[in-house]
Amino acid sequence: DNAEKTVFLQMNSLKPEDTAVYYC
């Protein structure tokens, strides 16, 4: 959203292997 200066990550069907620190 350029107006809000924000980036999003929608994560569905999460798995244990998705466990991590997420960086923008």
PDBML (XML) file of the C-alpha atoms, coordinates in Angstrom:
<?xml version="1.0" encoding="UTF-8" ?>
<PDBx:datablock datablockName="MODEL"
   xmlns:PDBx="http://pdbml.pdb.org/schema/pdbx-v50.xsd"
   xmlns:xsi="http://www.w3.org/2001/XMLSchema-instance"
   xsi:schemaLocation="http://pdbml.pdb.org/schema/pdbx-v50.xsd pdbx-v50.xsd">
   <PDBx:atom_siteCategory>
      <PDBx:atom_site id="1">
         <PDBx:B_iso_or_equiv>0.00</PDBx:B_iso_or_equiv>
         <PDBx:Cartn_x>0.000</PDBx:Cartn_x>
         <PDBx:Cartn_y>0.000</PDBx:Cartn_y>
         <PDBx:Cartn_z>0.000</PDBx:Cartn_z>
         <PDBx:auth_asym_id>A</PDBx:auth_asym_id>
         <PDBx:auth_atom_id>CA</PDBx:auth_atom_id>
         <PDBx:auth_comp_id>ASP</PDBx:auth_comp_id>
         <PDBx:auth_seq_id>1</PDBx:auth_seq_id>
         <PDBx:group_PDB>ATOM</PDBx:group_PDB>
         <PDBx:label_alt_id xsi:nil="true" />
         <PDBx:label_asym_id>A</PDBx:label_asym_id>
         <PDBx:label_atom_id>CA</PDBx:label_atom_id>
         <PDBx:label_comp_id>ASP</PDBx:label_comp_id>
         <PDBx:label_entity_id>1</PDBx:label_entity_id>
         <PDBx:label_seq_id>1</PDBx:label_seq_id>
         <PDBx:occupancy>1.00</PDBx:occupancy>
         <PDBx:pdbx_PDB_model_num>1</PDBx:pdbx_PDB_model_num>
         <PDBx:type_symbol>C</PDBx:type_symbol>
      </PDBx:atom_site>
      <PDBx:atom_site id="2">
         <PDBx:B_iso_or_equiv>0.00</PDBx:B_iso_or_equiv>
         <PDBx:Cartn_x>2.008</PDBx:Cartn_x>
         <PDBx:Cartn_y>2.935</PDBx:Cartn_y>
         <PDBx:Cartn_z>-1.267</PDBx:Cartn_z>
         <PDBx:auth_asym_id>A</PDBx:auth_asym_id>
         <PDBx:auth_atom_id>CA</PDBx:auth_atom_id>
         <PDBx:auth_comp_id>ASN</PDBx:auth_comp_id>
         <PDBx:auth_seq_id>2</PDBx:auth_seq_id>
         <PDBx:group_PDB>ATOM</PDBx:group_PDB>
         <PDBx:label_alt_id xsi:nil="true" />
         <PDBx:label_asym_id>A</PDBx:label_asym_id>
         <PDBx:label_atom_id>CA</PDBx:label_atom_id>
         <PDBx:label_comp_id>ASN</PDBx:label_comp_id>
         <PDBx:label_entity_id>1</PDBx:label_entity_id>
         <PDBx:label_seq_id>2</PDBx:label_seq_id>
         <PDBx:occupancy>1.00</PDBx:occupancy>
         <PDBx:pdbx_PDB_model_num>1</PDBx:pdbx_PDB_model_num>
         <PDBx:type_symbol>C</PDBx:type_symbol>
      </PDBx:atom_site>
      <PDBx:atom_site id="3">
         <PDBx:B_iso_or_equiv>0.00</PDBx:B_iso_or_equiv>
         <PDBx:Cartn_x>-0.287</PDBx:Cartn_x>
         <PDBx:Cartn_y>5.470</PDBx:Cartn_y>
         <PDBx:Cartn_z>0.389</PDBx:Cartn_z>
         <PDBx:auth_asym_id>A</PDBx:auth_asym_id>
         <PDBx:auth_atom_id>CA</PDBx:auth_atom_id>
         <PDBx:auth_comp_id>ALA</PDBx:auth_comp_id>
         <PDBx:auth_seq_id>3</PDBx:auth_seq_id>
         <PDBx:group_PDB>ATOM</PDBx:group_PDB>
         <PDBx:label_alt_id xsi:nil="true" />
         <PDBx:label_asym_id>A</PDBx:label_asym_id>
         <PDBx:label_atom_id>CA</PDBx:label_atom_id>
         <PDBx:label_comp_id>ALA</PDBx:label_comp_id>
         <PDBx:label_entity_id>1</PDBx:label_entity_id>
         <PDBx:label_seq_id>3</PDBx:label_seq_id>
         <PDBx:occupancy>1.00</PDBx:occupancy>
         <PDBx:pdbx_PDB_model_num>1</PDBx:pdbx_PDB_model_num>
         <PDBx:type_symbol>C</PDBx:type_symbol>
      </PDBx:atom_site>
      <PDBx:atom_site id="4">
         <PDBx:B_iso_or_equiv>0.00</PDBx:B_iso_or_equiv>
         <PDBx:Cartn_x>0.278</PDBx:Cartn_x>
         <PDBx:Cartn_y>3.846</PDBx:Cartn_y>
         <PDBx:Cartn_z>3.778</PDBx:Cartn_z>
         <PDBx:auth_asym_id>A</PDBx:auth_asym_id>
         <PDBx:auth_atom_id>CA</PDBx:auth_atom_id>
         <PDBx:auth_comp_id>GLU</PDBx:auth_comp_id>
         <PDBx:auth_seq_id>4</PDBx:auth_seq_id>
         <PDBx:group_PDB>ATOM</PDBx:group_PDB>
         <PDBx:label_alt_id xsi:nil="true" />
         <PDBx:label_asym_id>A</PDBx:label_asym_id>
         <PDBx:label_atom_id>CA</PDBx:label_atom_id>
         <PDBx:label_comp_id>GLU</PDBx:label_comp_id>
         <PDBx:label_entity_id>1</PDBx:label_entity_id>
         <PDBx:label_seq_id>4</PDBx:label_seq_id>
         <PDBx:occupancy>1.00</PDBx:occupancy>
         <PDBx:pdbx_PDB_model_num>1</PDBx:pdbx_PDB_model_num>
         <PDBx:type_symbol>C</PDBx:type_symbol>
      </PDBx:atom_site>
      <PDBx:atom_site id="5">
         <PDBx:B_iso_or_equiv>0.00</PDBx:B_iso_or_equiv>
         <PDBx:Cartn_x>3.948</PDBx:Cartn_x>
         <PDBx:Cartn_y>3.043</PDBx:Cartn_y>
         <PDBx:Cartn_z>3.041</PDBx:Cartn_z>
         <PDBx:auth_asym_id>A</PDBx:auth_asym_id>
         <PDBx:auth_atom_id>CA</PDBx:auth_atom_id>
         <PDBx:auth_comp_id>LYS</PDBx:auth_comp_id>
         <PDBx:auth_seq_id>5</PDBx:auth_seq_id>
         <PDBx:group_PDB>ATOM</PDBx:group_PDB>
         <PDBx:label_alt_id xsi:nil="true" />
         <PDBx:label_asym_id>A</PDBx:label_asym_id>
         <PDBx:label_atom_id>CA</PDBx:label_atom_id>
         <PDBx:label_comp_id>LYS</PDBx:label_comp_id>
         <PDBx:label_entity_id>1</PDBx:label_entity_id>
         <PDBx:label_seq_id>5</PDBx:label_seq_id>
         <PDBx:occupancy>1.00</PDBx:occupancy>
         <PDBx:pdbx_PDB_model_num>1</PDBx:pdbx_PDB_model_num>
         <PDBx:type_symbol>C</PDBx:type_symbol>
      </PDBx:atom_site>
      <PDBx:atom_site id="6">
         <PDBx:B_iso_or_equiv>0.00</PDBx:B_iso_or_equiv>
         <PDBx:Cartn_x>3.361</PDBx:Cartn_x>
         <PDBx:Cartn_y>-0.508</PDBx:Cartn_y>
         <PDBx:Cartn_z>4.140</PDBx:Cartn_z>
         <PDBx:auth_asym_id>A</PDBx:auth_asym_id>
         <PDBx:auth_atom_id>CA</PDBx:auth_atom_id>
         <PDBx:auth_comp_id>THR</PDBx:auth_comp_id>
         <PDBx:auth_seq_id>6</PDBx:auth_seq_id>
         <PDBx:group_PDB>ATOM</PDBx:group_PDB>
         <PDBx:label_alt_id xsi:nil="true" />
         <PDBx:label_asym_id>A</PDBx:label_asym_id>
         <PDBx:label_atom_id>CA</PDBx:label_atom_id>
         <PDBx:label_comp_id>THR</PDBx:label_comp_id>
         <PDBx:label_entity_id>1</PDBx:label_entity_id>
         <PDBx:label_seq_id>6</PDBx:label_seq_id>
         <PDBx:occupancy>1.00</PDBx:occupancy>
         <PDBx:pdbx_PDB_model_num>1</PDBx:pdbx_PDB_model_num>
         <PDBx:type_symbol>C</PDBx:type_symbol>
      </PDBx:atom_site>
      <PDBx:atom_site id="7">
         <PDBx:B_iso_or_equiv>0.00</PDBx:B_iso_or_equiv>
         <PDBx:Cartn_x>4.092</PDBx:Cartn_x>
         <PDBx:Cartn_y>-3.936</PDBx:Cartn_y>
         <PDBx:Cartn_z>2.709</PDBx:Cartn_z>
         <PDBx:auth_asym_id>A</PDBx:auth_asym_id>
         <PDBx:auth_atom_id>CA</PDBx:auth_atom_id>
         <PDBx:auth_comp_id>VAL</PDBx:auth_comp_id>
         <PDBx:auth_seq_id>7</PDBx:auth_seq_id>
         <PDBx:group_PDB>ATOM</PDBx:group_PDB>
         <PDBx:label_alt_id xsi:nil="true" />
         <PDBx:label_asym_id>A</PDBx:label_asym_id>
         <PDBx:label_atom_id>CA</PDBx:label_atom_id>
         <PDBx:label_comp_id>VAL</PDBx:label_comp_id>
         <PDBx:label_entity_id>1</PDBx:label_entity_id>
         <PDBx:label_seq_id>7</PDBx:label_seq_id>
         <PDBx:occupancy>1.00</PDBx:occupancy>
         <PDBx:pdbx_PDB_model_num>1</PDBx:pdbx_PDB_model_num>
         <PDBx:type_symbol>C</PDBx:type_symbol>
      </PDBx:atom_site>
      <PDBx:atom_site id="8">
         <PDBx:B_iso_or_equiv>0.00</PDBx:B_iso_or_equiv>
         <PDBx:Cartn_x>2.137</PDBx:Cartn_x>
         <PDBx:Cartn_y>-7.007</PDBx:Cartn_y>
         <PDBx:Cartn_z>3.787</PDBx:Cartn_z>
         <PDBx:auth_asym_id>A</PDBx:auth_asym_id>
         <PDBx:auth_atom_id>CA</PDBx:auth_atom_id>
         <PDBx:auth_comp_id>PHE</PDBx:auth_comp_id>
         <PDBx:auth_seq_id>8</PDBx:auth_seq_id>
         <PDBx:group_PDB>ATOM</PDBx:group_PDB>
         <PDBx:label_alt_id xsi:nil="true" />
         <PDBx:label_asym_id>A</PDBx:label_asym_id>
         <PDBx:label_atom_id>CA</PDBx:label_atom_id>
         <PDBx:label_comp_id>PHE</PDBx:label_comp_id>
         <PDBx:label_entity_id>1</PDBx:label_entity_id>
         <PDBx:label_seq_id>8</PDBx:label_seq_id>
         <PDBx:occupancy>1.00</PDBx:occupancy>
         <PDBx:pdbx_PDB_model_num>1</PDBx:pdbx_PDB_model_num>
         <PDBx:type_symbol>C</PDBx:type_symbol>
      </PDBx:atom_site>
      <PDBx:atom_site id="9">
         <PDBx:B_iso_or_equiv>0.00</PDBx:B_iso_or_equiv>
         <PDBx:Cartn_x>2.658</PDBx:Cartn_x>
         <PDBx:Cartn_y>-10.744</PDBx:Cartn_y>
         <PDBx:Cartn_z>3.784</PDBx:Cartn_z>
         <PDBx:auth_asym_id>A</PDBx:auth_asym_id>
         <PDBx:auth_atom_id>CA</PDBx:auth_atom_id>
         <PDBx:auth_comp_id>LEU</PDBx:auth_comp_id>
         <PDBx:auth_seq_id>9</PDBx:auth_seq_id>
         <PDBx:group_PDB>ATOM</PDBx:group_PDB>
         <PDBx:label_alt_id xsi:nil="true" />
         <PDBx:label_asym_id>A</PDBx:label_asym_id>
         <PDBx:label_atom_id>CA</PDBx:label_atom_id>
         <PDBx:label_comp_id>LEU</PDBx:label_comp_id>
         <PDBx:label_entity_id>1</PDBx:label_entity_id>
         <PDBx:label_seq_id>9</PDBx:label_seq_id>
         <PDBx:occupancy>1.00</PDBx:occupancy>
         <PDBx:pdbx_PDB_model_num>1</PDBx:pdbx_PDB_model_num>
         <PDBx:type_symbol>C</PDBx:type_symbol>
      </PDBx:atom_site>
      <PDBx:atom_site id="10">
         <PDBx:B_iso_or_equiv>0.00</PDBx:B_iso_or_equiv>
         <PDBx:Cartn_x>-0.494</PDBx:Cartn_x>
         <PDBx:Cartn_y>-12.821</PDBx:Cartn_y>
         <PDBx:Cartn_z>4.091</PDBx:Cartn_z>
         <PDBx:auth_asym_id>A</PDBx:auth_asym_id>
         <PDBx:auth_atom_id>CA</PDBx:auth_atom_id>
         <PDBx:auth_comp_id>GLN</PDBx:auth_comp_id>
         <PDBx:auth_seq_id>10</PDBx:auth_seq_id>
         <PDBx:group_PDB>ATOM</PDBx:group_PDB>
         <PDBx:label_alt_id xsi:nil="true" />
         <PDBx:label_asym_id>A</PDBx:label_asym_id>
         <PDBx:label_atom_id>CA</PDBx:label_atom_id>
         <PDBx:label_comp_id>GLN</PDBx:label_comp_id>
         <PDBx:label_entity_id>1</PDBx:label_entity_id>
         <PDBx:label_seq_id>10</PDBx:label_seq_id>
         <PDBx:occupancy>1.00</PDBx:occupancy>
         <PDBx:pdbx_PDB_model_num>1</PDBx:pdbx_PDB_model_num>
         <PDBx:type_symbol>C</PDBx:type_symbol>
      </PDBx:atom_site>
      <PDBx:atom_site id="11">
         <PDBx:B_iso_or_equiv>0.00</PDBx:B_iso_or_equiv>
         <PDBx:Cartn_x>0.473</PDBx:Cartn_x>
         <PDBx:Cartn_y>-16.319</PDBx:Cartn_y>
         <PDBx:Cartn_z>5.182</PDBx:Cartn_z>
         <PDBx:auth_asym_id>A</PDBx:auth_asym_id>
         <PDBx:auth_atom_id>CA</PDBx:auth_atom_id>
         <PDBx:auth_comp_id>MET</PDBx:auth_comp_id>
         <PDBx:auth_seq_id>11</PDBx:auth_seq_id>
         <PDBx:group_PDB>ATOM</PDBx:group_PDB>
         <PDBx:label_alt_id xsi:nil="true" />
         <PDBx:label_asym_id>A</PDBx:label_asym_id>
         <PDBx:label_atom_id>CA</PDBx:label_atom_id>
         <PDBx:label_comp_id>MET</PDBx:label_comp_id>
         <PDBx:label_entity_id>1</PDBx:label_entity_id>
         <PDBx:label_seq_id>11</PDBx:label_seq_id>
         <PDBx:occupancy>1.00</PDBx:occupancy>
         <PDBx:pdbx_PDB_model_num>1</PDBx:pdbx_PDB_model_num>
         <PDBx:type_symbol>C</PDBx:type_symbol>
      </PDBx:atom_site>
      <PDBx:atom_site id="12">
         <PDBx:B_iso_or_equiv>0.00</PDBx:B_iso_or_equiv>
         <PDBx:Cartn_x>-2.081</PDBx:Cartn_x>
         <PDBx:Cartn_y>-19.112</PDBx:Cartn_y>
         <PDBx:Cartn_z>4.958</PDBx:Cartn_z>
         <PDBx:auth_asym_id>A</PDBx:auth_asym_id>
         <PDBx:auth_atom_id>CA</PDBx:auth_atom_id>
         <PDBx:auth_comp_id>ASN</PDBx:auth_comp_id>
         <PDBx:auth_seq_id>12</PDBx:auth_seq_id>
         <PDBx:group_PDB>ATOM</PDBx:group_PDB>
         <PDBx:label_alt_id xsi:nil="true" />
         <PDBx:label_asym_id>A</PDBx:label_asym_id>
         <PDBx:label_atom_id>CA</PDBx:label_atom_id>
         <PDBx:label_comp_id>ASN</PDBx:label_comp_id>
         <PDBx:label_entity_id>1</PDBx:label_entity_id>
         <PDBx:label_seq_id>12</PDBx:label_seq_id>
         <PDBx:occupancy>1.00</PDBx:occupancy>
         <PDBx:pdbx_PDB_model_num>1</PDBx:pdbx_PDB_model_num>
         <PDBx:type_symbol>C</PDBx:type_symbol>
      </PDBx:atom_site>
      <PDBx:atom_site id="13">
         <PDBx:B_iso_or_equiv>0.00</PDBx:B_iso_or_equiv>
         <PDBx:Cartn_x>-1.884</PDBx:Cartn_x>
         <PDBx:Cartn_y>-22.862</PDBx:Cartn_y>
         <PDBx:Cartn_z>5.525</PDBx:Cartn_z>
         <PDBx:auth_asym_id>A</PDBx:auth_asym_id>
         <PDBx:auth_atom_id>CA</PDBx:auth_atom_id>
         <PDBx:auth_comp_id>SER</PDBx:auth_comp_id>
         <PDBx:auth_seq_id>13</PDBx:auth_seq_id>
         <PDBx:group_PDB>ATOM</PDBx:group_PDB>
         <PDBx:label_alt_id xsi:nil="true" />
         <PDBx:label_asym_id>A</PDBx:label_asym_id>
         <PDBx:label_atom_id>CA</PDBx:label_atom_id>
         <PDBx:label_comp_id>SER</PDBx:label_comp_id>
         <PDBx:label_entity_id>1</PDBx:label_entity_id>
         <PDBx:label_seq_id>13</PDBx:label_seq_id>
         <PDBx:occupancy>1.00</PDBx:occupancy>
         <PDBx:pdbx_PDB_model_num>1</PDBx:pdbx_PDB_model_num>
         <PDBx:type_symbol>C</PDBx:type_symbol>
      </PDBx:atom_site>
      <PDBx:atom_site id="14">
         <PDBx:B_iso_or_equiv>0.00</PDBx:B_iso_or_equiv>
         <PDBx:Cartn_x>1.140</PDBx:Cartn_x>
         <PDBx:Cartn_y>-22.371</PDBx:Cartn_y>
         <PDBx:Cartn_z>7.734</PDBx:Cartn_z>
         <PDBx:auth_asym_id>A</PDBx:auth_asym_id>
         <PDBx:auth_atom_id>CA</PDBx:auth_atom_id>
         <PDBx:auth_comp_id>LEU</PDBx:auth_comp_id>
         <PDBx:auth_seq_id>14</PDBx:auth_seq_id>
         <PDBx:group_PDB>ATOM</PDBx:group_PDB>
         <PDBx:label_alt_id xsi:nil="true" />
         <PDBx:label_asym_id>A</PDBx:label_asym_id>
         <PDBx:label_atom_id>CA</PDBx:label_atom_id>
         <PDBx:label_comp_id>LEU</PDBx:label_comp_id>
         <PDBx:label_entity_id>1</PDBx:label_entity_id>
         <PDBx:label_seq_id>14</PDBx:label_seq_id>
         <PDBx:occupancy>1.00</PDBx:occupancy>
         <PDBx:pdbx_PDB_model_num>1</PDBx:pdbx_PDB_model_num>
         <PDBx:type_symbol>C</PDBx:type_symbol>
      </PDBx:atom_site>
      <PDBx:atom_site id="15">
         <PDBx:B_iso_or_equiv>0.00</PDBx:B_iso_or_equiv>
         <PDBx:Cartn_x>3.454</PDBx:Cartn_x>
         <PDBx:Cartn_y>-25.296</PDBx:Cartn_y>
         <PDBx:Cartn_z>8.351</PDBx:Cartn_z>
         <PDBx:auth_asym_id>A</PDBx:auth_asym_id>
         <PDBx:auth_atom_id>CA</PDBx:auth_atom_id>
         <PDBx:auth_comp_id>LYS</PDBx:auth_comp_id>
         <PDBx:auth_seq_id>15</PDBx:auth_seq_id>
         <PDBx:group_PDB>ATOM</PDBx:group_PDB>
         <PDBx:label_alt_id xsi:nil="true" />
         <PDBx:label_asym_id>A</PDBx:label_asym_id>
         <PDBx:label_atom_id>CA</PDBx:label_atom_id>
         <PDBx:label_comp_id>LYS</PDBx:label_comp_id>
         <PDBx:label_entity_id>1</PDBx:label_entity_id>
         <PDBx:label_seq_id>15</PDBx:label_seq_id>
         <PDBx:occupancy>1.00</PDBx:occupancy>
         <PDBx:pdbx_PDB_model_num>1</PDBx:pdbx_PDB_model_num>
         <PDBx:type_symbol>C</PDBx:type_symbol>
      </PDBx:atom_site>
      <PDBx:atom_site id="16">
         <PDBx:B_iso_or_equiv>0.00</PDBx:B_iso_or_equiv>
         <PDBx:Cartn_x>5.981</PDBx:Cartn_x>
         <PDBx:Cartn_y>-25.952</PDBx:Cartn_y>
         <PDBx:Cartn_z>11.143</PDBx:Cartn_z>
         <PDBx:auth_asym_id>A</PDBx:auth_asym_id>
         <PDBx:auth_atom_id>CA</PDBx:auth_atom_id>
         <PDBx:auth_comp_id>PRO</PDBx:auth_comp_id>
         <PDBx:auth_seq_id>16</PDBx:auth_seq_id>
         <PDBx:group_PDB>ATOM</PDBx:group_PDB>
         <PDBx:label_alt_id xsi:nil="true" />
         <PDBx:label_asym_id>A</PDBx:label_asym_id>
         <PDBx:label_atom_id>CA</PDBx:label_atom_id>
         <PDBx:label_comp_id>PRO</PDBx:label_comp_id>
         <PDBx:label_entity_id>1</PDBx:label_entity_id>
         <PDBx:label_seq_id>16</PDBx:label_seq_id>
         <PDBx:occupancy>1.00</PDBx:occupancy>
         <PDBx:pdbx_PDB_model_num>1</PDBx:pdbx_PDB_model_num>
         <PDBx:type_symbol>C</PDBx:type_symbol>
      </PDBx:atom_site>
      <PDBx:atom_site id="17">
         <PDBx:B_iso_or_equiv>0.00</PDBx:B_iso_or_equiv>
         <PDBx:Cartn_x>8.763</PDBx:Cartn_x>
         <PDBx:Cartn_y>-25.429</PDBx:Cartn_y>
         <PDBx:Cartn_z>8.601</PDBx:Cartn_z>
         <PDBx:auth_asym_id>A</PDBx:auth_asym_id>
         <PDBx:auth_atom_id>CA</PDBx:auth_atom_id>
         <PDBx:auth_comp_id>GLU</PDBx:auth_comp_id>
         <PDBx:auth_seq_id>17</PDBx:auth_seq_id>
         <PDBx:group_PDB>ATOM</PDBx:group_PDB>
         <PDBx:label_alt_id xsi:nil="true" />
         <PDBx:label_asym_id>A</PDBx:label_asym_id>
         <PDBx:label_atom_id>CA</PDBx:label_atom_id>
         <PDBx:label_comp_id>GLU</PDBx:label_comp_id>
         <PDBx:label_entity_id>1</PDBx:label_entity_id>
         <PDBx:label_seq_id>17</PDBx:label_seq_id>
         <PDBx:occupancy>1.00</PDBx:occupancy>
         <PDBx:pdbx_PDB_model_num>1</PDBx:pdbx_PDB_model_num>
         <PDBx:type_symbol>C</PDBx:type_symbol>
      </PDBx:atom_site>
      <PDBx:atom_site id="18">
         <PDBx:B_iso_or_equiv>0.00</PDBx:B_iso_or_equiv>
         <PDBx:Cartn_x>7.587</PDBx:Cartn_x>
         <PDBx:Cartn_y>-21.839</PDBx:Cartn_y>
         <PDBx:Cartn_z>8.164</PDBx:Cartn_z>
         <PDBx:auth_asym_id>A</PDBx:auth_asym_id>
         <PDBx:auth_atom_id>CA</PDBx:auth_atom_id>
         <PDBx:auth_comp_id>ASP</PDBx:auth_comp_id>
         <PDBx:auth_seq_id>18</PDBx:auth_seq_id>
         <PDBx:group_PDB>ATOM</PDBx:group_PDB>
         <PDBx:label_alt_id xsi:nil="true" />
         <PDBx:label_asym_id>A</PDBx:label_asym_id>
         <PDBx:label_atom_id>CA</PDBx:label_atom_id>
         <PDBx:label_comp_id>ASP</PDBx:label_comp_id>
         <PDBx:label_entity_id>1</PDBx:label_entity_id>
         <PDBx:label_seq_id>18</PDBx:label_seq_id>
         <PDBx:occupancy>1.00</PDBx:occupancy>
         <PDBx:pdbx_PDB_model_num>1</PDBx:pdbx_PDB_model_num>
         <PDBx:type_symbol>C</PDBx:type_symbol>
      </PDBx:atom_site>
      <PDBx:atom_site id="19">
         <PDBx:B_iso_or_equiv>0.00</PDBx:B_iso_or_equiv>
         <PDBx:Cartn_x>8.858</PDBx:Cartn_x>
         <PDBx:Cartn_y>-21.115</PDBx:Cartn_y>
         <PDBx:Cartn_z>11.675</PDBx:Cartn_z>
         <PDBx:auth_asym_id>A</PDBx:auth_asym_id>
         <PDBx:auth_atom_id>CA</PDBx:auth_atom_id>
         <PDBx:auth_comp_id>THR</PDBx:auth_comp_id>
         <PDBx:auth_seq_id>19</PDBx:auth_seq_id>
         <PDBx:group_PDB>ATOM</PDBx:group_PDB>
         <PDBx:label_alt_id xsi:nil="true" />
         <PDBx:label_asym_id>A</PDBx:label_asym_id>
         <PDBx:label_atom_id>CA</PDBx:label_atom_id>
         <PDBx:label_comp_id>THR</PDBx:label_comp_id>
         <PDBx:label_entity_id>1</PDBx:label_entity_id>
         <PDBx:label_seq_id>19</PDBx:label_seq_id>
         <PDBx:occupancy>1.00</PDBx:occupancy>
         <PDBx:pdbx_PDB_model_num>1</PDBx:pdbx_PDB_model_num>
         <PDBx:type_symbol>C</PDBx:type_symbol>
      </PDBx:atom_site>
      <PDBx:atom_site id="20">
         <PDBx:B_iso_or_equiv>0.00</PDBx:B_iso_or_equiv>
         <PDBx:Cartn_x>11.480</PDBx:Cartn_x>
         <PDBx:Cartn_y>-18.378</PDBx:Cartn_y>
         <PDBx:Cartn_z>11.423</PDBx:Cartn_z>
         <PDBx:auth_asym_id>A</PDBx:auth_asym_id>
         <PDBx:auth_atom_id>CA</PDBx:auth_atom_id>
         <PDBx:auth_comp_id>ALA</PDBx:auth_comp_id>
         <PDBx:auth_seq_id>20</PDBx:auth_seq_id>
         <PDBx:group_PDB>ATOM</PDBx:group_PDB>
         <PDBx:label_alt_id xsi:nil="true" />
         <PDBx:label_asym_id>A</PDBx:label_asym_id>
         <PDBx:label_atom_id>CA</PDBx:label_atom_id>
         <PDBx:label_comp_id>ALA</PDBx:label_comp_id>
         <PDBx:label_entity_id>1</PDBx:label_entity_id>
         <PDBx:label_seq_id>20</PDBx:label_seq_id>
         <PDBx:occupancy>1.00</PDBx:occupancy>
         <PDBx:pdbx_PDB_model_num>1</PDBx:pdbx_PDB_model_num>
         <PDBx:type_symbol>C</PDBx:type_symbol>
      </PDBx:atom_site>
      <PDBx:atom_site id="21">
         <PDBx:B_iso_or_equiv>0.00</PDBx:B_iso_or_equiv>
         <PDBx:Cartn_x>12.232</PDBx:Cartn_x>
         <PDBx:Cartn_y>-14.733</PDBx:Cartn_y>
         <PDBx:Cartn_z>12.015</PDBx:Cartn_z>
         <PDBx:auth_asym_id>A</PDBx:auth_asym_id>
         <PDBx:auth_atom_id>CA</PDBx:auth_atom_id>
         <PDBx:auth_comp_id>VAL</PDBx:auth_comp_id>
         <PDBx:auth_seq_id>21</PDBx:auth_seq_id>
         <PDBx:group_PDB>ATOM</PDBx:group_PDB>
         <PDBx:label_alt_id xsi:nil="true" />
         <PDBx:label_asym_id>A</PDBx:label_asym_id>
         <PDBx:label_atom_id>CA</PDBx:label_atom_id>
         <PDBx:label_comp_id>VAL</PDBx:label_comp_id>
         <PDBx:label_entity_id>1</PDBx:label_entity_id>
         <PDBx:label_seq_id>21</PDBx:label_seq_id>
         <PDBx:occupancy>1.00</PDBx:occupancy>
         <PDBx:pdbx_PDB_model_num>1</PDBx:pdbx_PDB_model_num>
         <PDBx:type_symbol>C</PDBx:type_symbol>
      </PDBx:atom_site>
      <PDBx:atom_site id="22">
         <PDBx:B_iso_or_equiv>0.00</PDBx:B_iso_or_equiv>
         <PDBx:Cartn_x>10.707</PDBx:Cartn_x>
         <PDBx:Cartn_y>-12.790</PDBx:Cartn_y>
         <PDBx:Cartn_z>9.135</PDBx:Cartn_z>
         <PDBx:auth_asym_id>A</PDBx:auth_asym_id>
         <PDBx:auth_atom_id>CA</PDBx:auth_atom_id>
         <PDBx:auth_comp_id>TYR</PDBx:auth_comp_id>
         <PDBx:auth_seq_id>22</PDBx:auth_seq_id>
         <PDBx:group_PDB>ATOM</PDBx:group_PDB>
         <PDBx:label_alt_id xsi:nil="true" />
         <PDBx:label_asym_id>A</PDBx:label_asym_id>
         <PDBx:label_atom_id>CA</PDBx:label_atom_id>
         <PDBx:label_comp_id>TYR</PDBx:label_comp_id>
         <PDBx:label_entity_id>1</PDBx:label_entity_id>
         <PDBx:label_seq_id>22</PDBx:label_seq_id>
         <PDBx:occupancy>1.00</PDBx:occupancy>
         <PDBx:pdbx_PDB_model_num>1</PDBx:pdbx_PDB_model_num>
         <PDBx:type_symbol>C</PDBx:type_symbol>
      </PDBx:atom_site>
      <PDBx:atom_site id="23">
         <PDBx:B_iso_or_equiv>0.00</PDBx:B_iso_or_equiv>
         <PDBx:Cartn_x>12.475</PDBx:Cartn_x>
         <PDBx:Cartn_y>-9.665</PDBx:Cartn_y>
         <PDBx:Cartn_z>7.888</PDBx:Cartn_z>
         <PDBx:auth_asym_id>A</PDBx:auth_asym_id>
         <PDBx:auth_atom_id>CA</PDBx:auth_atom_id>
         <PDBx:auth_comp_id>TYR</PDBx:auth_comp_id>
         <PDBx:auth_seq_id>23</PDBx:auth_seq_id>
         <PDBx:group_PDB>ATOM</PDBx:group_PDB>
         <PDBx:label_alt_id xsi:nil="true" />
         <PDBx:label_asym_id>A</PDBx:label_asym_id>
         <PDBx:label_atom_id>CA</PDBx:label_atom_id>
         <PDBx:label_comp_id>TYR</PDBx:label_comp_id>
         <PDBx:label_entity_id>1</PDBx:label_entity_id>
         <PDBx:label_seq_id>23</PDBx:label_seq_id>
         <PDBx:occupancy>1.00</PDBx:occupancy>
         <PDBx:pdbx_PDB_model_num>1</PDBx:pdbx_PDB_model_num>
         <PDBx:type_symbol>C</PDBx:type_symbol>
      </PDBx:atom_site>
      <PDBx:atom_site id="24">
         <PDBx:B_iso_or_equiv>0.00</PDBx:B_iso_or_equiv>
         <PDBx:Cartn_x>11.195</PDBx:Cartn_x>
         <PDBx:Cartn_y>-6.856</PDBx:Cartn_y>
         <PDBx:Cartn_z>5.731</PDBx:Cartn_z>
         <PDBx:auth_asym_id>A</PDBx:auth_asym_id>
         <PDBx:auth_atom_id>CA</PDBx:auth_atom_id>
         <PDBx:auth_comp_id>CYS</PDBx:auth_comp_id>
         <PDBx:auth_seq_id>24</PDBx:auth_seq_id>
         <PDBx:group_PDB>ATOM</PDBx:group_PDB>
         <PDBx:label_alt_id xsi:nil="true" />
         <PDBx:label_asym_id>A</PDBx:label_asym_id>
         <PDBx:label_atom_id>CA</PDBx:label_atom_id>
         <PDBx:label_comp_id>CYS</PDBx:label_comp_id>
         <PDBx:label_entity_id>1</PDBx:label_entity_id>
         <PDBx:label_seq_id>24</PDBx:label_seq_id>
         <PDBx:occupancy>1.00</PDBx:occupancy>
         <PDBx:pdbx_PDB_model_num>1</PDBx:pdbx_PDB_model_num>
         <PDBx:type_symbol>C</PDBx:type_symbol>
      </PDBx:atom_site>
   </PDBx:atom_siteCategory>
</PDBx:datablock>
